[in-house]
Amino acid sequence: MAFLEPVPQPAEQQAWTMTARGQEEHLLARCAAIAHGAGQPLDPREANVCNVAAMILGRHLDRQARNLARASRRYFEAHPHEKLEPGQVVGKGWISGLPRLRDMLIRKIEGRS
């Protein structure tokens, strides 16, 4: 019997096939990279989470919050119909809650996780 090798998947498709914790970790890593100025949101989920993260990080990490806001603003300039209110982002399950997002993202940005 022959065994098939797994087919490599694009990064955004891999994110959707992960566990909930894996998806959260992937999204936090993307947000942290964007907060440091590396990259742009790739889809509406990333753009909306970056937008919410910019709002809640402002007082804690001002430069990184500005990078997140700038990146999400660029995404929504090209895709204005994809922007959601923060409550809708939580409602879709993209983030479990604002305090958790803030705390975990601060740790990720500061390199503590």
PDB file of N, CA and C in Angstrom:
ATOM      1  N   MET A   1       0.837  -1.169   0.000  1.00  0.00           N
ATOM      2  CA  MET A   1       0.000   0.000   0.000  1.00  0.00           C
ATOM      3  C   MET A   1       0.889   1.242   0.000  1.00  0.00           C
ATOM      4  N   ALA A   2       0.611   2.172  -0.882  1.00  0.00           N
ATOM      5  CA  ALA A   2       1.393   3.403  -1.003  1.00  0.00           C
ATOM      6  C   ALA A   2       0.817   4.483  -0.091  1.00  0.00           C
ATOM      7  N   PHE A   3       1.686   5.253   0.496  1.00  0.00           N
ATOM      8  CA  PHE A   3       1.257   6.366   1.328  1.00  0.00           C
ATOM      9  C   PHE A   3       1.453   7.660   0.555  1.00  0.00           C
ATOM     10  N   LEU A   4       0.501   8.535   0.666  1.00  0.00           N
ATOM     11  CA  LEU A   4       0.573   9.812  -0.031  1.00  0.00           C
ATOM     12  C   LEU A   4       1.245  10.849   0.849  1.00  0.00           C
ATOM     13  N   GLU A   5       2.057  11.663   0.233  1.00  0.00           N
ATOM     14  CA  GLU A   5       2.665  12.781   0.944  1.00  0.00           C
ATOM     15  C   GLU A   5       1.627  13.877   1.126  1.00  0.00           C
ATOM     16  N   PRO A   6       1.639  14.586   2.265  1.00  0.00           N
ATOM     17  CA  PRO A   6       0.692  15.695   2.427  1.00  0.00           C
ATOM     18  C   PRO A   6       0.958  16.787   1.395  1.00  0.00           C
ATOM     19  N   VAL A   7      -0.079  17.378   0.923  1.00  0.00           N
ATOM     20  CA  VAL A   7       0.022  18.459  -0.054  1.00  0.00           C
ATOM     21  C   VAL A   7       0.231  19.765   0.690  1.00  0.00           C
ATOM     22  N   PRO A   8       1.288  20.522   0.374  1.00  0.00           N
ATOM     23  CA  PRO A   8       1.489  21.809   1.043  1.00  0.00           C
ATOM     24  C   PRO A   8       0.314  22.731   0.743  1.00  0.00           C
ATOM     25  N   GLN A   9      -0.087  23.514   1.752  1.00  0.00           N
ATOM     26  CA  GLN A   9      -1.200  24.433   1.604  1.00  0.00           C
ATOM     27  C   GLN A   9      -0.713  25.866   1.750  1.00  0.00           C
ATOM     28  N   PRO A  10      -1.373  26.809   1.061  1.00  0.00           N
ATOM     29  CA  PRO A  10      -1.030  28.214   1.263  1.00  0.00           C
ATOM     30  C   PRO A  10      -1.238  28.593   2.726  1.00  0.00           C
ATOM     31  N   ALA A  11      -0.491  29.574   3.183  1.00  0.00           N
ATOM     32  CA  ALA A  11      -0.528  29.971   4.597  1.00  0.00           C
ATOM     33  C   ALA A  11      -1.936  30.292   5.066  1.00  0.00           C
ATOM     34  N   GLU A  12      -2.707  31.053   4.282  1.00  0.00           N
ATOM     35  CA  GLU A  12      -4.043  31.430   4.745  1.00  0.00           C
ATOM     36  C   GLU A  12      -4.969  30.217   4.816  1.00  0.00           C
ATOM     37  N   GLN A  13      -4.773  29.214   3.955  1.00  0.00           N
ATOM     38  CA  GLN A  13      -5.591  28.012   4.027  1.00  0.00           C
ATOM     39  C   GLN A  13      -5.175  27.178   5.238  1.00  0.00           C
ATOM     40  N   GLN A  14      -3.879  27.125   5.538  1.00  0.00           N
ATOM     41  CA  GLN A  14      -3.415  26.390   6.702  1.00  0.00           C
ATOM     42  C   GLN A  14      -4.017  26.964   7.977  1.00  0.00           C
ATOM     43  N   ALA A  15      -4.156  28.280   8.057  1.00  0.00           N
ATOM     44  CA  ALA A  15      -4.707  28.912   9.256  1.00  0.00           C
ATOM     45  C   ALA A  15      -6.108  28.408   9.546  1.00  0.00           C
ATOM     46  N   TRP A  16      -6.894  28.149   8.503  1.00  0.00           N
ATOM     47  CA  TRP A  16      -8.273  27.708   8.707  1.00  0.00           C
ATOM     48  C   TRP A  16      -8.360  26.226   9.038  1.00  0.00           C
ATOM     49  N   THR A  17      -7.303  25.439   8.824  1.00  0.00           N
ATOM     50  CA  THR A  17      -7.346  24.022   9.124  1.00  0.00           C
ATOM     51  C   THR A  17      -6.700  23.709  10.472  1.00  0.00           C
ATOM     52  N   MET A  18      -6.282  24.715  11.204  1.00  0.00           N
ATOM     53  CA  MET A  18      -5.679  24.536  12.516  1.00  0.00           C
ATOM     54  C   MET A  18      -6.762  24.453  13.593  1.00  0.00           C
ATOM     55  N   THR A  19      -6.343  24.048  14.781  1.00  0.00           N
ATOM     56  CA  THR A  19      -7.238  24.103  15.933  1.00  0.00           C
ATOM     57  C   THR A  19      -7.515  25.563  16.273  1.00  0.00           C
ATOM     58  N   ALA A  20      -8.477  25.799  17.143  1.00  0.00           N
ATOM     59  CA  ALA A  20      -8.799  27.168  17.550  1.00  0.00           C
ATOM     60  C   ALA A  20      -7.575  27.848  18.168  1.00  0.00           C
ATOM     61  N   ARG A  21      -6.833  27.134  18.996  1.00  0.00           N
ATOM     62  CA  ARG A  21      -5.616  27.702  19.601  1.00  0.00           C
ATOM     63  C   ARG A  21      -4.567  27.988  18.533  1.00  0.00           C
ATOM     64  N   GLY A  22      -4.448  27.094  17.578  1.00  0.00           N
ATOM     65  CA  GLY A  22      -3.496  27.299  16.492  1.00  0.00           C
ATOM     66  C   GLY A  22      -3.856  28.509  15.651  1.00  0.00           C
ATOM     67  N   GLN A  23      -5.151  28.680  15.378  1.00  0.00           N
ATOM     68  CA  GLN A  23      -5.603  29.853  14.631  1.00  0.00           C
ATOM     69  C   GLN A  23      -5.314  31.133  15.399  1.00  0.00           C
ATOM     70  N   GLU A  24      -5.582  31.096  16.705  1.00  0.00           N
ATOM     71  CA  GLU A  24      -5.316  32.272  17.533  1.00  0.00           C
ATOM     72  C   GLU A  24      -3.830  32.612  17.532  1.00  0.00           C
ATOM     73  N   GLU A  25      -2.983  31.601  17.676  1.00  0.00           N
ATOM     74  CA  GLU A  25      -1.536  31.817  17.686  1.00  0.00           C
ATOM     75  C   GLU A  25      -1.059  32.373  16.351  1.00  0.00           C
ATOM     76  N   HIS A  26      -1.579  31.823  15.254  1.00  0.00           N
ATOM     77  CA  HIS A  26      -1.220  32.300  13.914  1.00  0.00           C
ATOM     78  C   HIS A  26      -1.621  33.773  13.752  1.00  0.00           C
ATOM     79  N   LEU A  27      -2.824  34.103  14.170  1.00  0.00           N
ATOM     80  CA  LEU A  27      -3.315  35.470  14.048  1.00  0.00           C
ATOM     81  C   LEU A  27      -2.525  36.434  14.924  1.00  0.00           C
ATOM     82  N   LEU A  28      -2.177  36.012  16.136  1.00  0.00           N
ATOM     83  CA  LEU A  28      -1.348  36.848  17.008  1.00  0.00           C
ATOM     84  C   LEU A  28       0.028  37.082  16.399  1.00  0.00           C
ATOM     85  N   ALA A  29       0.608  36.046  15.814  1.00  0.00           N
ATOM     86  CA  ALA A  29       1.923  36.190  15.180  1.00  0.00           C
ATOM     87  C   ALA A  29       1.848  37.157  14.004  1.00  0.00           C
ATOM     88  N   ARG A  30       0.794  37.065  13.196  1.00  0.00           N
ATOM     89  CA  ARG A  30       0.612  37.994  12.069  1.00  0.00           C
ATOM     90  C   ARG A  30       0.452  39.423  12.576  1.00  0.00           C
ATOM     91  N   CYS A  31      -0.371  39.612  13.605  1.00  0.00           N
ATOM     92  CA  CYS A  31      -0.573  40.960  14.160  1.00  0.00           C
ATOM     93  C   CYS A  31       0.724  41.517  14.738  1.00  0.00           C
ATOM     94  N   ALA A  32       1.474  40.689  15.427  1.00  0.00           N
ATOM     95  CA  ALA A  32       2.740  41.148  16.004  1.00  0.00           C
ATOM     96  C   ALA A  32       3.716  41.561  14.902  1.00  0.00           C
ATOM     97  N   ALA A  33       3.789  40.780  13.837  1.00  0.00           N
ATOM     98  CA  ALA A  33       4.673  41.135  12.723  1.00  0.00           C
ATOM     99  C   ALA A  33       4.233  42.457  12.093  1.00  0.00           C
ATOM    100  N   ILE A  34       2.948  42.623  11.881  1.00  0.00           N
ATOM    101  CA  ILE A  34       2.426  43.866  11.302  1.00  0.00           C
ATOM    102  C   ILE A  34       2.666  45.032  12.259  1.00  0.00           C
ATOM    103  N   ALA A  35       2.527  44.793  13.553  1.00  0.00           N
ATOM    104  CA  ALA A  35       2.787  45.838  14.553  1.00  0.00           C
ATOM    105  C   ALA A  35       4.234  46.308  14.502  1.00  0.00           C
ATOM    106  N   HIS A  36       5.146  45.402  14.140  1.00  0.00           N
ATOM    107  CA  HIS A  36       6.563  45.758  14.003  1.00  0.00           C
ATOM    108  C   HIS A  36       6.897  46.298  12.618  1.00  0.00           C
ATOM    109  N   GLY A  37       5.874  46.449  11.773  1.00  0.00           N
ATOM    110  CA  GLY A  37       6.082  47.040  10.454  1.00  0.00           C
ATOM    111  C   GLY A  37       6.419  46.040   9.365  1.00  0.00           C
ATOM    112  N   ALA A  38       6.273  44.753   9.644  1.00  0.00           N
ATOM    113  CA  ALA A  38       6.605  43.720   8.657  1.00  0.00           C
ATOM    114  C   ALA A  38       5.325  43.126   8.086  1.00  0.00           C
ATOM    115  N   GLY A  39       4.948  43.574   6.922  1.00  0.00           N
ATOM    116  CA  GLY A  39       3.803  42.980   6.251  1.00  0.00           C
ATOM    117  C   GLY A  39       2.532  43.790   6.375  1.00  0.00           C
ATOM    118  N   GLN A  40       1.515  43.266   5.705  1.00  0.00           N
ATOM    119  CA  GLN A  40       0.184  43.877   5.656  1.00  0.00           C
ATOM    120  C   GLN A  40      -0.844  42.773   5.894  1.00  0.00           C
ATOM    121  N   PRO A  41      -2.035  43.137   6.338  1.00  0.00           N
ATOM    122  CA  PRO A  41      -3.091  42.125   6.470  1.00  0.00           C
ATOM    123  C   PRO A  41      -3.369  41.468   5.114  1.00  0.00           C
ATOM    124  N   LEU A  42      -3.581  40.168   5.135  1.00  0.00           N
ATOM    125  CA  LEU A  42      -3.803  39.415   3.904  1.00  0.00           C
ATOM    126  C   LEU A  42      -5.272  39.188   3.585  1.00  0.00           C
ATOM    127  N   ASP A  43      -6.133  39.337   4.600  1.00  0.00           N
ATOM    128  CA  ASP A  43      -7.550  39.054   4.401  1.00  0.00           C
ATOM    129  C   ASP A  43      -8.375  39.884   5.381  1.00  0.00           C
ATOM    130  N   PRO A  44      -9.708  39.837   5.259  1.00  0.00           N
ATOM    131  CA  PRO A  44     -10.546  40.658   6.134  1.00  0.00           C
ATOM    132  C   PRO A  44     -10.393  40.316   7.616  1.00  0.00           C
ATOM    133  N   ARG A  45     -10.166  39.055   7.901  1.00  0.00           N
ATOM    134  CA  ARG A  45      -9.985  38.654   9.307  1.00  0.00           C
ATOM    135  C   ARG A  45      -8.768  39.356   9.895  1.00  0.00           C
ATOM    136  N   GLU A  46      -7.636  39.267   9.215  1.00  0.00           N
ATOM    137  CA  GLU A  46      -6.429  39.917   9.719  1.00  0.00           C
ATOM    138  C   GLU A  46      -6.600  41.428   9.804  1.00  0.00           C
ATOM    139  N   ALA A  47      -7.194  42.022   8.791  1.00  0.00           N
ATOM    140  CA  ALA A  47      -7.368  43.476   8.779  1.00  0.00           C
ATOM    141  C   ALA A  47      -8.258  43.936   9.921  1.00  0.00           C
ATOM    142  N   ASN A  48      -9.347  43.243  10.161  1.00  0.00           N
ATOM    143  CA  ASN A  48     -10.251  43.629  11.240  1.00  0.00           C
ATOM    144  C   ASN A  48      -9.635  43.414  12.613  1.00  0.00           C
ATOM    145  N   VAL A  49      -8.914  42.330  12.788  1.00  0.00           N
ATOM    146  CA  VAL A  49      -8.260  42.093  14.075  1.00  0.00           C
ATOM    147  C   VAL A  49      -7.155  43.135  14.292  1.00  0.00           C
ATOM    148  N   CYS A  50      -6.409  43.472  13.248  1.00  0.00           N
ATOM    149  CA  CYS A  50      -5.385  44.524  13.370  1.00  0.00           C
ATOM    150  C   CYS A  50      -6.025  45.856  13.752  1.00  0.00           C
ATOM    151  N   ASN A  51      -7.158  46.157  13.167  1.00  0.00           N
ATOM    152  CA  ASN A  51      -7.860  47.397  13.477  1.00  0.00           C
ATOM    153  C   ASN A  51      -8.274  47.437  14.952  1.00  0.00           C
ATOM    154  N   VAL A  52      -8.854  46.353  15.440  1.00  0.00           N
ATOM    155  CA  VAL A  52      -9.252  46.276  16.852  1.00  0.00           C
ATOM    156  C   VAL A  52      -8.015  46.340  17.747  1.00  0.00           C
ATOM    157  N   ALA A  53      -6.975  45.617  17.369  1.00  0.00           N
ATOM    158  CA  ALA A  53      -5.739  45.620  18.164  1.00  0.00           C
ATOM    159  C   ALA A  53      -5.156  47.022  18.256  1.00  0.00           C
ATOM    160  N   ALA A  54      -5.200  47.782  17.169  1.00  0.00           N
ATOM    161  CA  ALA A  54      -4.694  49.158  17.190  1.00  0.00           C
ATOM    162  C   ALA A  54      -5.456  50.000  18.203  1.00  0.00           C
ATOM    163  N   MET A  55      -6.759  49.782  18.283  1.00  0.00           N
ATOM    164  CA  MET A  55      -7.585  50.538  19.233  1.00  0.00           C
ATOM    165  C   MET A  55      -7.234  50.216  20.674  1.00  0.00           C
ATOM    166  N   ILE A  56      -6.988  48.952  20.970  1.00  0.00           N
ATOM    167  CA  ILE A  56      -6.774  48.571  22.370  1.00  0.00           C
ATOM    168  C   ILE A  56      -5.312  48.654  22.802  1.00  0.00           C
ATOM    169  N   LEU A  57      -4.382  48.775  21.851  1.00  0.00           N
ATOM    170  CA  LEU A  57      -2.965  48.875  22.216  1.00  0.00           C
ATOM    171  C   LEU A  57      -2.489  50.314  22.355  1.00  0.00           C
ATOM    172  N   GLY A  58      -3.246  51.265  21.875  1.00  0.00           N
ATOM    173  CA  GLY A  58      -2.816  52.651  21.798  1.00  0.00           C
ATOM    174  C   GLY A  58      -2.048  53.179  22.992  1.00  0.00           C
ATOM    175  N   ARG A  59      -2.566  52.983  24.178  1.00  0.00           N
ATOM    176  CA  ARG A  59      -1.907  53.518  25.383  1.00  0.00           C
ATOM    177  C   ARG A  59      -0.684  52.703  25.780  1.00  0.00           C
ATOM    178  N   HIS A  60      -0.649  51.449  25.397  1.00  0.00           N
ATOM    179  CA  HIS A  60       0.414  50.554  25.853  1.00  0.00           C
ATOM    180  C   HIS A  60       1.634  50.563  24.931  1.00  0.00           C
ATOM    181  N   LEU A  61       1.388  50.469  23.637  1.00  0.00           N
ATOM    182  CA  LEU A  61       2.464  50.403  22.648  1.00  0.00           C
ATOM    183  C   LEU A  61       2.083  51.302  21.477  1.00  0.00           C
ATOM    184  N   ASP A  62       2.345  52.581  21.628  1.00  0.00           N
ATOM    185  CA  ASP A  62       1.852  53.571  20.677  1.00  0.00           C
ATOM    186  C   ASP A  62       2.368  53.356  19.255  1.00  0.00           C
ATOM    187  N   ARG A  63       3.658  53.132  19.088  1.00  0.00           N
ATOM    188  CA  ARG A  63       4.224  52.957  17.744  1.00  0.00           C
ATOM    189  C   ARG A  63       3.640  51.735  17.059  1.00  0.00           C
ATOM    190  N   GLN A  64       3.553  50.632  17.783  1.00  0.00           N
ATOM    191  CA  GLN A  64       3.002  49.410  17.208  1.00  0.00           C
ATOM    192  C   GLN A  64       1.513  49.576  16.889  1.00  0.00           C
ATOM    193  N   ALA A  65       0.795  50.299  17.741  1.00  0.00           N
ATOM    194  CA  ALA A  65      -0.627  50.562  17.479  1.00  0.00           C
ATOM    195  C   ALA A  65      -0.792  51.383  16.203  1.00  0.00           C
ATOM    196  N   ARG A  66       0.078  52.354  16.001  1.00  0.00           N
ATOM    197  CA  ARG A  66       0.009  53.154  14.769  1.00  0.00           C
ATOM    198  C   ARG A  66       0.289  52.296  13.535  1.00  0.00           C
ATOM    199  N   ASN A  67       1.262  51.377  13.636  1.00  0.00           N
ATOM    200  CA  ASN A  67       1.551  50.474  12.517  1.00  0.00           C
ATOM    201  C   ASN A  67       0.344  49.591  12.186  1.00  0.00           C
ATOM    202  N   LEU A  68      -0.312  49.073  13.217  1.00  0.00           N
ATOM    203  CA  LEU A  68      -1.503  48.244  13.004  1.00  0.00           C
ATOM    204  C   LEU A  68      -2.625  49.059  12.371  1.00  0.00           C
ATOM    205  N   ALA A  69      -2.818  50.273  12.876  1.00  0.00           N
ATOM    206  CA  ALA A  69      -3.876  51.132  12.336  1.00  0.00           C
ATOM    207  C   ALA A  69      -3.601  51.485  10.877  1.00  0.00           C
ATOM    208  N   ARG A  70      -2.373  51.820  10.579  1.00  0.00           N
ATOM    209  CA  ARG A  70      -1.997  52.183   9.212  1.00  0.00           C
ATOM    210  C   ARG A  70      -2.209  50.996   8.259  1.00  0.00           C
ATOM    211  N   ALA A  71      -1.775  49.822   8.678  1.00  0.00           N
ATOM    212  CA  ALA A  71      -1.912  48.636   7.826  1.00  0.00           C
ATOM    213  C   ALA A  71      -3.382  48.283   7.599  1.00  0.00           C
ATOM    214  N   SER A  72      -4.189  48.343   8.651  1.00  0.00           N
ATOM    215  CA  SER A  72      -5.603  48.009   8.470  1.00  0.00           C
ATOM    216  C   SER A  72      -6.302  49.080   7.638  1.00  0.00           C
ATOM    217  N   ARG A  73      -5.924  50.345   7.806  1.00  0.00           N
ATOM    218  CA  ARG A  73      -6.519  51.430   7.006  1.00  0.00           C
ATOM    219  C   ARG A  73      -6.224  51.214   5.512  1.00  0.00           C
ATOM    220  N   ARG A  74      -4.996  50.823   5.199  1.00  0.00           N
ATOM    221  CA  ARG A  74      -4.644  50.552   3.791  1.00  0.00           C
ATOM    222  C   ARG A  74      -5.486  49.412   3.226  1.00  0.00           C
ATOM    223  N   TYR A  75      -5.658  48.370   4.018  1.00  0.00           N
ATOM    224  CA  TYR A  75      -6.462  47.242   3.554  1.00  0.00           C
ATOM    225  C   TYR A  75      -7.898  47.697   3.272  1.00  0.00           C
ATOM    226  N   PHE A  76      -8.470  48.473   4.202  1.00  0.00           N
ATOM    227  CA  PHE A  76      -9.868  48.886   4.052  1.00  0.00           C
ATOM    228  C   PHE A  76     -10.062  49.959   2.984  1.00  0.00           C
ATOM    229  N   GLU A  77      -9.020  50.674   2.633  1.00  0.00           N
ATOM    230  CA  GLU A  77      -9.126  51.591   1.499  1.00  0.00           C
ATOM    231  C   GLU A  77      -9.376  50.810   0.212  1.00  0.00           C
ATOM    232  N   ALA A  78      -8.782  49.634   0.123  1.00  0.00           N
ATOM    233  CA  ALA A  78      -8.966  48.790  -1.055  1.00  0.00           C
ATOM    234  C   ALA A  78     -10.219  47.909  -0.949  1.00  0.00           C
ATOM    235  N   HIS A  79     -10.661  47.641   0.285  1.00  0.00           N
ATOM    236  CA  HIS A  79     -11.801  46.738   0.521  1.00  0.00           C
ATOM    237  C   HIS A  79     -12.738  47.341   1.571  1.00  0.00           C
ATOM    238  N   PRO A  80     -13.351  48.491   1.302  1.00  0.00           N
ATOM    239  CA  PRO A  80     -14.138  49.177   2.334  1.00  0.00           C
ATOM    240  C   PRO A  80     -15.337  48.384   2.849  1.00  0.00           C
ATOM    241  N   HIS A  81     -15.895  47.523   2.040  1.00  0.00           N
ATOM    242  CA  HIS A  81     -17.071  46.753   2.445  1.00  0.00           C
ATOM    243  C   HIS A  81     -16.737  45.628   3.436  1.00  0.00           C
ATOM    244  N   GLU A  82     -15.458  45.383   3.700  1.00  0.00           N
ATOM    245  CA  GLU A  82     -15.047  44.290   4.582  1.00  0.00           C
ATOM    246  C   GLU A  82     -14.774  44.746   6.019  1.00  0.00           C
ATOM    247  N   LYS A  83     -14.875  46.040   6.280  1.00  0.00           N
ATOM    248  CA  LYS A  83     -14.596  46.557   7.624  1.00  0.00           C
ATOM    249  C   LYS A  83     -15.784  46.292   8.545  1.00  0.00           C
ATOM    250  N   LEU A  84     -15.476  45.771   9.736  1.00  0.00           N
ATOM    251  CA  LEU A  84     -16.490  45.445  10.731  1.00  0.00           C
ATOM    252  C   LEU A  84     -16.296  46.277  11.990  1.00  0.00           C
ATOM    253  N   GLU A  85     -17.351  46.373  12.764  1.00  0.00           N
ATOM    254  CA  GLU A  85     -17.271  46.998  14.088  1.00  0.00           C
ATOM    255  C   GLU A  85     -16.569  46.015  15.036  1.00  0.00           C
ATOM    256  N   PRO A  86     -15.901  46.527  16.082  1.00  0.00           N
ATOM    257  CA  PRO A  86     -15.200  45.619  17.008  1.00  0.00           C
ATOM    258  C   PRO A  86     -16.091  44.508  17.573  1.00  0.00           C
ATOM    259  N   GLY A  87     -17.325  44.822  17.903  1.00  0.00           N
ATOM    260  CA  GLY A  87     -18.230  43.802  18.427  1.00  0.00           C
ATOM    261  C   GLY A  87     -18.496  42.690  17.428  1.00  0.00           C
ATOM    262  N   GLN A  88     -18.522  43.038  16.150  1.00  0.00           N
ATOM    263  CA  GLN A  88     -18.728  42.029  15.112  1.00  0.00           C
ATOM    264  C   GLN A  88     -17.504  41.119  14.987  1.00  0.00           C
ATOM    265  N   VAL A  89     -16.317  41.679  15.195  1.00  0.00           N
ATOM    266  CA  VAL A  89     -15.082  40.887  15.129  1.00  0.00           C
ATOM    267  C   VAL A  89     -15.097  39.839  16.243  1.00  0.00           C
ATOM    268  N   VAL A  90     -15.509  40.249  17.437  1.00  0.00           N
ATOM    269  CA  VAL A  90     -15.632  39.297  18.552  1.00  0.00           C
ATOM    270  C   VAL A  90     -16.750  38.303  18.251  1.00  0.00           C
ATOM    271  N   GLY A  91     -17.870  38.801  17.752  1.00  0.00           N
ATOM    272  CA  GLY A  91     -19.012  37.944  17.445  1.00  0.00           C
ATOM    273  C   GLY A  91     -18.710  36.866  16.426  1.00  0.00           C
ATOM    274  N   LYS A  92     -17.806  37.148  15.490  1.00  0.00           N
ATOM    275  CA  LYS A  92     -17.416  36.155  14.488  1.00  0.00           C
ATOM    276  C   LYS A  92     -16.468  35.107  15.064  1.00  0.00           C
ATOM    277  N   GLY A  93     -15.982  35.343  16.289  1.00  0.00           N
ATOM    278  CA  GLY A  93     -15.070  34.391  16.907  1.00  0.00           C
ATOM    279  C   GLY A  93     -13.625  34.556  16.483  1.00  0.00           C
ATOM    280  N   TRP A  94     -13.324  35.645  15.774  1.00  0.00           N
ATOM    281  CA  TRP A  94     -11.945  35.876  15.340  1.00  0.00           C
ATOM    282  C   TRP A  94     -11.048  36.204  16.516  1.00  0.00           C
ATOM    283  N   ILE A  95     -11.609  36.801  17.549  1.00  0.00           N
ATOM    284  CA  ILE A  95     -10.913  37.010  18.817  1.00  0.00           C
ATOM    285  C   ILE A  95     -11.876  36.613  19.928  1.00  0.00           C
ATOM    286  N   SER A  96     -11.337  36.129  21.028  1.00  0.00           N
ATOM    287  CA  SER A  96     -12.212  35.658  22.104  1.00  0.00           C
ATOM    288  C   SER A  96     -12.647  36.784  23.028  1.00  0.00           C
ATOM    289  N   GLY A  97     -11.927  37.872  23.032  1.00  0.00           N
ATOM    290  CA  GLY A  97     -12.276  39.007  23.871  1.00  0.00           C
ATOM    291  C   GLY A  97     -11.190  40.058  23.813  1.00  0.00           C
ATOM    292  N   LEU A  98     -11.559  41.287  24.086  1.00  0.00           N
ATOM    293  CA  LEU A  98     -10.593  42.390  23.984  1.00  0.00           C
ATOM    294  C   LEU A  98      -9.474  42.299  25.009  1.00  0.00           C
ATOM    295  N   PRO A  99      -9.759  42.031  26.296  1.00  0.00           N
ATOM    296  CA  PRO A  99      -8.640  41.934  27.249  1.00  0.00           C
ATOM    297  C   PRO A  99      -7.653  40.822  26.900  1.00  0.00           C
ATOM    298  N   ARG A 100      -8.176  39.674  26.465  1.00  0.00           N
ATOM    299  CA  ARG A 100      -7.276  38.569  26.087  1.00  0.00           C
ATOM    300  C   ARG A 100      -6.420  38.961  24.893  1.00  0.00           C
ATOM    301  N   LEU A 101      -7.027  39.582  23.869  1.00  0.00           N
ATOM    302  CA  LEU A 101      -6.264  40.021  22.694  1.00  0.00           C
ATOM    303  C   LEU A 101      -5.169  40.990  23.122  1.00  0.00           C
ATOM    304  N   ARG A 102      -5.530  41.983  23.925  1.00  0.00           N
ATOM    305  CA  ARG A 102      -4.553  42.976  24.377  1.00  0.00           C
ATOM    306  C   ARG A 102      -3.386  42.312  25.104  1.00  0.00           C
ATOM    307  N   ASP A 103      -3.698  41.485  26.103  1.00  0.00           N
ATOM    308  CA  ASP A 103      -2.646  40.880  26.925  1.00  0.00           C
ATOM    309  C   ASP A 103      -1.748  39.944  26.113  1.00  0.00           C
ATOM    310  N   MET A 104      -2.348  39.113  25.299  1.00  0.00           N
ATOM    311  CA  MET A 104      -1.552  38.157  24.517  1.00  0.00           C
ATOM    312  C   MET A 104      -0.735  38.860  23.443  1.00  0.00           C
ATOM    313  N   LEU A 105      -1.312  39.895  22.829  1.00  0.00           N
ATOM    314  CA  LEU A 105      -0.582  40.604  21.781  1.00  0.00           C
ATOM    315  C   LEU A 105       0.567  41.420  22.363  1.00  0.00           C
ATOM    316  N   ILE A 106       0.363  42.029  23.519  1.00  0.00           N
ATOM    317  CA  ILE A 106       1.468  42.749  24.173  1.00  0.00           C
ATOM    318  C   ILE A 106       2.614  41.783  24.453  1.00  0.00           C
ATOM    319  N   ARG A 107       2.307  40.619  24.994  1.00  0.00           N
ATOM    320  CA  ARG A 107       3.371  39.624  25.263  1.00  0.00           C
ATOM    321  C   ARG A 107       4.076  39.219  23.968  1.00  0.00           C
ATOM    322  N   LYS A 108       3.301  38.994  22.917  1.00  0.00           N
ATOM    323  CA  LYS A 108       3.884  38.567  21.630  1.00  0.00           C
ATOM    324  C   LYS A 108       4.766  39.685  21.052  1.00  0.00           C
ATOM    325  N   ILE A 109       4.294  40.915  21.084  1.00  0.00           N
ATOM    326  CA  ILE A 109       5.054  42.047  20.534  1.00  0.00           C
ATOM    327  C   ILE A 109       6.340  42.260  21.320  1.00  0.00           C
ATOM    328  N   GLU A 110       6.266  42.106  22.622  1.00  0.00           N
ATOM    329  CA  GLU A 110       7.438  42.305  23.472  1.00  0.00           C
ATOM    330  C   GLU A 110       8.347  41.080  23.508  1.00  0.00           C
ATOM    331  N   GLY A 111       7.961  40.020  22.795  1.00  0.00           N
ATOM    332  CA  GLY A 111       8.799  38.831  22.711  1.00  0.00           C
ATOM    333  C   GLY A 111       8.757  37.951  23.948  1.00  0.00           C
ATOM    334  N   ARG A 112       7.668  38.015  24.697  1.00  0.00           N
ATOM    335  CA  ARG A 112       7.555  37.209  25.916  1.00  0.00           C
ATOM    336  C   ARG A 112       6.747  35.941  25.710  1.00  0.00           C
ATOM    337  N   SER A 113       6.421  35.602  24.470  1.00  0.00           N
ATOM    338  CA  SER A 113       5.685  34.344  24.263  1.00  0.00           C
ATOM    339  C   SER A 113       6.177  33.649  23.017  1.00  0.00           C
TER     340      SER A 113
END
